[in-house]
Every structure is written in C-alpha cells, then in structure tokens.
C-alpha cells in the first residue's frame, strides 16, 4: 500500500514538473526617439501636443508605444 502511494505521489510530481507554464506572448511596443538641442522645458508643449495626437490616433504611451525624449540643454 505504501509503495503504491509513493509511486502515485512521485508520478504526480514528475507530471507536474514536466508541464511547463507558458506566458502569453507580449505585444510589440514601438519606440519613438526624440532628440533636440534645446531644453526640456522649452519643448514640453510640443511633446505634449505630439502625445495627445498619438493618443487620438489610437496609440497609448506605455501600452503600445514608448517615447524617449533627450535634450541637449543648449550645450555646444
């Protein structure tokens, strides 16, 4: 009786270990790079308008698009 119980338990463990959990495939997140020589505060309005227009077109930042903005802070 104990041998059958141990065999059943080991079989259940091996079966559980052999089944691998697979995550759902992630959706592709597109990236937009924005590089400007001016300051971040000077371009805040332009970037905000750009984000609003993308949102109007169905693109949601953080879900299906990422915007990376870098500024030169007027350094030469």
N, C-alpha and C. Protein backbone atom coordinates (compact mmCIF):
# COMPACT_ATOMS: atom_id res chain seq x y z
N UNK A 1 0.82 -1.19 0.00
CA UNK A 1 0.00 0.00 0.00
C UNK A 1 0.87 1.26 0.00
N UNK A 2 1.90 1.29 0.85
CA UNK A 2 2.77 2.46 0.90
C UNK A 2 3.53 2.64 -0.41
N UNK A 3 3.92 1.52 -1.04
CA UNK A 3 4.65 1.61 -2.29
C UNK A 3 3.77 2.18 -3.40
N UNK A 4 2.50 1.83 -3.43
CA UNK A 4 1.57 2.38 -4.42
C UNK A 4 1.37 3.87 -4.19
N UNK A 5 1.27 4.26 -2.92
CA UNK A 5 1.08 5.68 -2.59
C UNK A 5 2.30 6.49 -2.98
N UNK A 6 3.49 5.96 -2.70
CA UNK A 6 4.72 6.66 -3.05
C UNK A 6 4.87 6.74 -4.57
N UNK A 7 4.54 5.65 -5.26
CA UNK A 7 4.62 5.66 -6.73
C UNK A 7 3.65 6.68 -7.33
N UNK A 8 2.45 6.73 -6.78
CA UNK A 8 1.46 7.69 -7.27
C UNK A 8 1.91 9.12 -7.01
N UNK A 9 2.48 9.37 -5.81
CA UNK A 9 2.95 10.71 -5.47
C UNK A 9 4.11 11.12 -6.37
N UNK A 10 5.06 10.21 -6.59
CA UNK A 10 6.19 10.52 -7.46
C UNK A 10 5.72 10.74 -8.90
N UNK A 11 4.78 9.95 -9.35
CA UNK A 11 4.23 10.13 -10.69
C UNK A 11 3.57 11.48 -10.84
N UNK A 12 2.82 11.91 -9.81
CA UNK A 12 2.16 13.22 -9.86
C UNK A 12 3.18 14.34 -9.86
N UNK A 13 4.25 14.18 -9.09
CA UNK A 13 5.29 15.21 -9.04
C UNK A 13 5.99 15.32 -10.39
N UNK A 14 6.36 14.17 -10.98
CA UNK A 14 7.02 14.20 -12.29
C UNK A 14 6.11 14.78 -13.37
N UNK A 15 4.83 14.47 -13.29
CA UNK A 15 3.88 15.00 -14.25
C UNK A 15 3.77 16.53 -14.10
N UNK A 16 3.72 16.98 -12.85
CA UNK A 16 3.61 18.42 -12.61
C UNK A 16 4.87 19.15 -13.06
N UNK A 17 6.03 18.53 -12.86
CA UNK A 17 7.28 19.17 -13.27
C UNK A 17 7.45 19.18 -14.78
N UNK A 18 6.89 18.21 -15.46
CA UNK A 18 7.06 18.14 -16.90
C UNK A 18 6.19 19.15 -17.64
N UNK A 19 5.12 19.61 -17.01
CA UNK A 19 4.26 20.61 -17.63
C UNK A 19 4.86 21.99 -17.37
N UNK A 20 5.25 22.66 -18.42
CA UNK A 20 5.83 23.99 -18.23
C UNK A 20 4.76 25.04 -18.46
N UNK A 21 4.79 26.03 -17.64
CA UNK A 21 3.84 27.14 -17.79
C UNK A 21 4.40 28.10 -18.83
N UNK A 22 3.57 28.47 -19.77
CA UNK A 22 4.00 29.40 -20.80
C UNK A 22 3.21 30.70 -20.68
N UNK A 23 3.94 31.79 -20.70
CA UNK A 23 3.28 33.09 -20.64
C UNK A 23 2.73 33.45 -22.01
N UNK A 24 1.77 34.32 -21.99
CA UNK A 24 1.22 34.80 -23.26
C UNK A 24 2.27 35.65 -23.95
N UNK A 25 2.34 35.57 -25.26
CA UNK A 25 3.33 36.39 -25.97
C UNK A 25 3.02 37.87 -25.78
N UNK A 26 4.06 38.64 -25.55
CA UNK A 26 3.86 40.07 -25.34
C UNK A 26 3.66 40.76 -26.68
N UNK A 27 2.88 41.81 -26.64
CA UNK A 27 2.66 42.59 -27.86
C UNK A 27 3.86 43.50 -28.07
N UNK A 28 4.14 43.77 -29.33
CA UNK A 28 5.29 44.61 -29.65
C UNK A 28 5.00 46.05 -29.23
N UNK A 29 5.96 46.64 -28.53
CA UNK A 29 5.86 48.04 -28.12
C UNK A 29 6.83 48.82 -29.00
N UNK A 30 6.29 49.73 -29.78
CA UNK A 30 7.11 50.53 -30.68
C UNK A 30 7.74 51.68 -29.90
N UNK A 31 8.91 52.10 -30.34
CA UNK A 31 9.65 53.15 -29.64
C UNK A 31 9.92 54.31 -30.60
N UNK A 32 9.66 55.52 -30.11
CA UNK A 32 9.95 56.74 -30.86
C UNK A 32 11.03 57.48 -30.11
N UNK A 33 12.10 57.80 -30.79
CA UNK A 33 13.18 58.58 -30.20
C UNK A 33 13.07 60.04 -30.64
N UNK A 34 13.19 60.94 -29.68
CA UNK A 34 13.09 62.37 -29.97
C UNK A 34 14.34 63.03 -29.41
N UNK A 35 15.14 63.62 -30.28
CA UNK A 35 16.39 64.26 -29.89
C UNK A 35 16.34 65.72 -30.32
N UNK A 36 16.57 66.61 -29.36
CA UNK A 36 16.50 68.04 -29.65
C UNK A 36 17.61 68.75 -28.89
N UNK A 37 18.16 69.79 -29.48
CA UNK A 37 19.24 70.53 -28.86
C UNK A 37 18.79 71.54 -27.83
N UNK A 38 17.50 71.84 -27.77
CA UNK A 38 17.01 72.84 -26.81
C UNK A 38 16.78 72.21 -25.44
N UNK A 39 16.06 72.91 -24.60
CA UNK A 39 15.80 72.43 -23.24
C UNK A 39 14.49 71.64 -23.18
N UNK A 40 14.37 70.82 -22.16
CA UNK A 40 13.17 70.01 -21.99
C UNK A 40 11.96 70.90 -21.69
N UNK A 41 12.17 71.94 -20.91
CA UNK A 41 11.04 72.82 -20.58
C UNK A 41 10.57 73.60 -21.80
N UNK A 42 11.48 73.92 -22.72
CA UNK A 42 11.10 74.65 -23.92
C UNK A 42 10.31 73.80 -24.91
N UNK A 43 10.51 72.50 -24.87
CA UNK A 43 9.83 71.60 -25.80
C UNK A 43 8.67 70.86 -25.16
N UNK A 44 8.34 71.16 -23.91
CA UNK A 44 7.28 70.44 -23.21
C UNK A 44 5.94 70.55 -23.93
N UNK A 45 5.62 71.71 -24.42
CA UNK A 45 4.35 71.91 -25.12
C UNK A 45 4.27 71.12 -26.41
N UNK A 46 5.38 71.08 -27.14
CA UNK A 46 5.41 70.34 -28.41
C UNK A 46 5.26 68.84 -28.15
N UNK A 47 5.99 68.34 -27.16
CA UNK A 47 5.89 66.91 -26.83
C UNK A 47 4.50 66.55 -26.32
N UNK A 48 3.90 67.43 -25.55
CA UNK A 48 2.55 67.17 -25.04
C UNK A 48 1.55 67.11 -26.19
N UNK A 49 1.67 68.02 -27.13
CA UNK A 49 0.78 68.01 -28.30
C UNK A 49 1.00 66.74 -29.14
N UNK A 50 2.27 66.32 -29.26
CA UNK A 50 2.59 65.11 -30.01
C UNK A 50 1.96 63.88 -29.34
N UNK A 51 2.06 63.80 -28.02
CA UNK A 51 1.47 62.69 -27.28
C UNK A 51 -0.06 62.68 -27.42
N UNK A 52 -0.67 63.85 -27.35
CA UNK A 52 -2.13 63.94 -27.50
C UNK A 52 -2.58 63.48 -28.88
N UNK A 53 -1.83 63.86 -29.90
CA UNK A 53 -2.19 63.46 -31.27
C UNK A 53 -2.02 61.96 -31.46
N UNK A 54 -0.95 61.39 -30.91
CA UNK A 54 -0.76 59.94 -30.98
C UNK A 54 -1.90 59.23 -30.26
N UNK A 55 -2.30 59.76 -29.11
CA UNK A 55 -3.40 59.16 -28.36
C UNK A 55 -4.70 59.23 -29.16
N UNK A 56 -4.92 60.33 -29.84
CA UNK A 56 -6.11 60.47 -30.67
C UNK A 56 -6.12 59.44 -31.80
N UNK A 57 -4.94 59.08 -32.28
CA UNK A 57 -4.82 58.10 -33.36
C UNK A 57 -4.84 56.65 -32.87
N UNK A 58 -4.95 56.46 -31.56
CA UNK A 58 -5.06 55.11 -31.02
C UNK A 58 -3.80 54.55 -30.39
N UNK A 59 -2.74 55.35 -30.32
CA UNK A 59 -1.51 54.91 -29.70
C UNK A 59 -1.50 55.35 -28.24
N UNK A 60 -1.25 54.42 -27.34
CA UNK A 60 -1.25 54.73 -25.92
C UNK A 60 0.15 54.53 -25.37
N UNK A 61 0.72 55.59 -24.85
CA UNK A 61 2.08 55.50 -24.32
C UNK A 61 2.10 54.57 -23.12
N UNK A 62 3.02 53.63 -23.14
CA UNK A 62 3.11 52.64 -22.08
C UNK A 62 2.45 51.33 -22.44
N UNK A 63 1.52 51.35 -23.40
CA UNK A 63 0.85 50.12 -23.82
C UNK A 63 1.39 49.62 -25.15
N UNK A 64 1.36 50.46 -26.17
CA UNK A 64 1.81 50.01 -27.48
C UNK A 64 2.84 50.95 -28.11
N UNK A 65 3.26 51.96 -27.34
CA UNK A 65 4.28 52.88 -27.85
C UNK A 65 5.04 53.48 -26.66
N UNK A 66 6.31 53.77 -26.89
CA UNK A 66 7.15 54.43 -25.90
C UNK A 66 7.85 55.59 -26.58
N UNK A 67 7.89 56.73 -25.90
CA UNK A 67 8.56 57.90 -26.44
C UNK A 67 9.77 58.20 -25.55
N UNK A 68 10.96 58.16 -26.15
CA UNK A 68 12.19 58.51 -25.44
C UNK A 68 12.64 59.87 -25.94
N UNK A 69 12.60 60.85 -25.06
CA UNK A 69 12.99 62.20 -25.42
C UNK A 69 14.31 62.55 -24.73
N UNK A 70 15.25 63.09 -25.50
CA UNK A 70 16.53 63.52 -24.97
C UNK A 70 16.78 64.94 -25.45
N UNK A 71 17.38 65.74 -24.57
CA UNK A 71 17.60 67.14 -24.88
C UNK A 71 19.05 67.52 -24.63
N UNK A 72 19.57 68.41 -25.47
CA UNK A 72 20.95 68.86 -25.35
C UNK A 72 21.13 69.99 -24.36
N UNK A 73 20.05 70.54 -23.88
CA UNK A 73 20.07 71.65 -22.93
C UNK A 73 20.92 72.82 -23.46
N UNK A 74 20.88 73.03 -24.77
CA UNK A 74 21.55 74.13 -25.48
C UNK A 74 23.06 74.13 -25.26
N UNK A 75 23.64 72.95 -25.08
CA UNK A 75 25.11 72.84 -24.94
C UNK A 75 25.70 72.61 -26.32
N UNK A 76 26.84 73.22 -26.54
CA UNK A 76 27.52 73.08 -27.83
C UNK A 76 28.79 72.30 -27.67
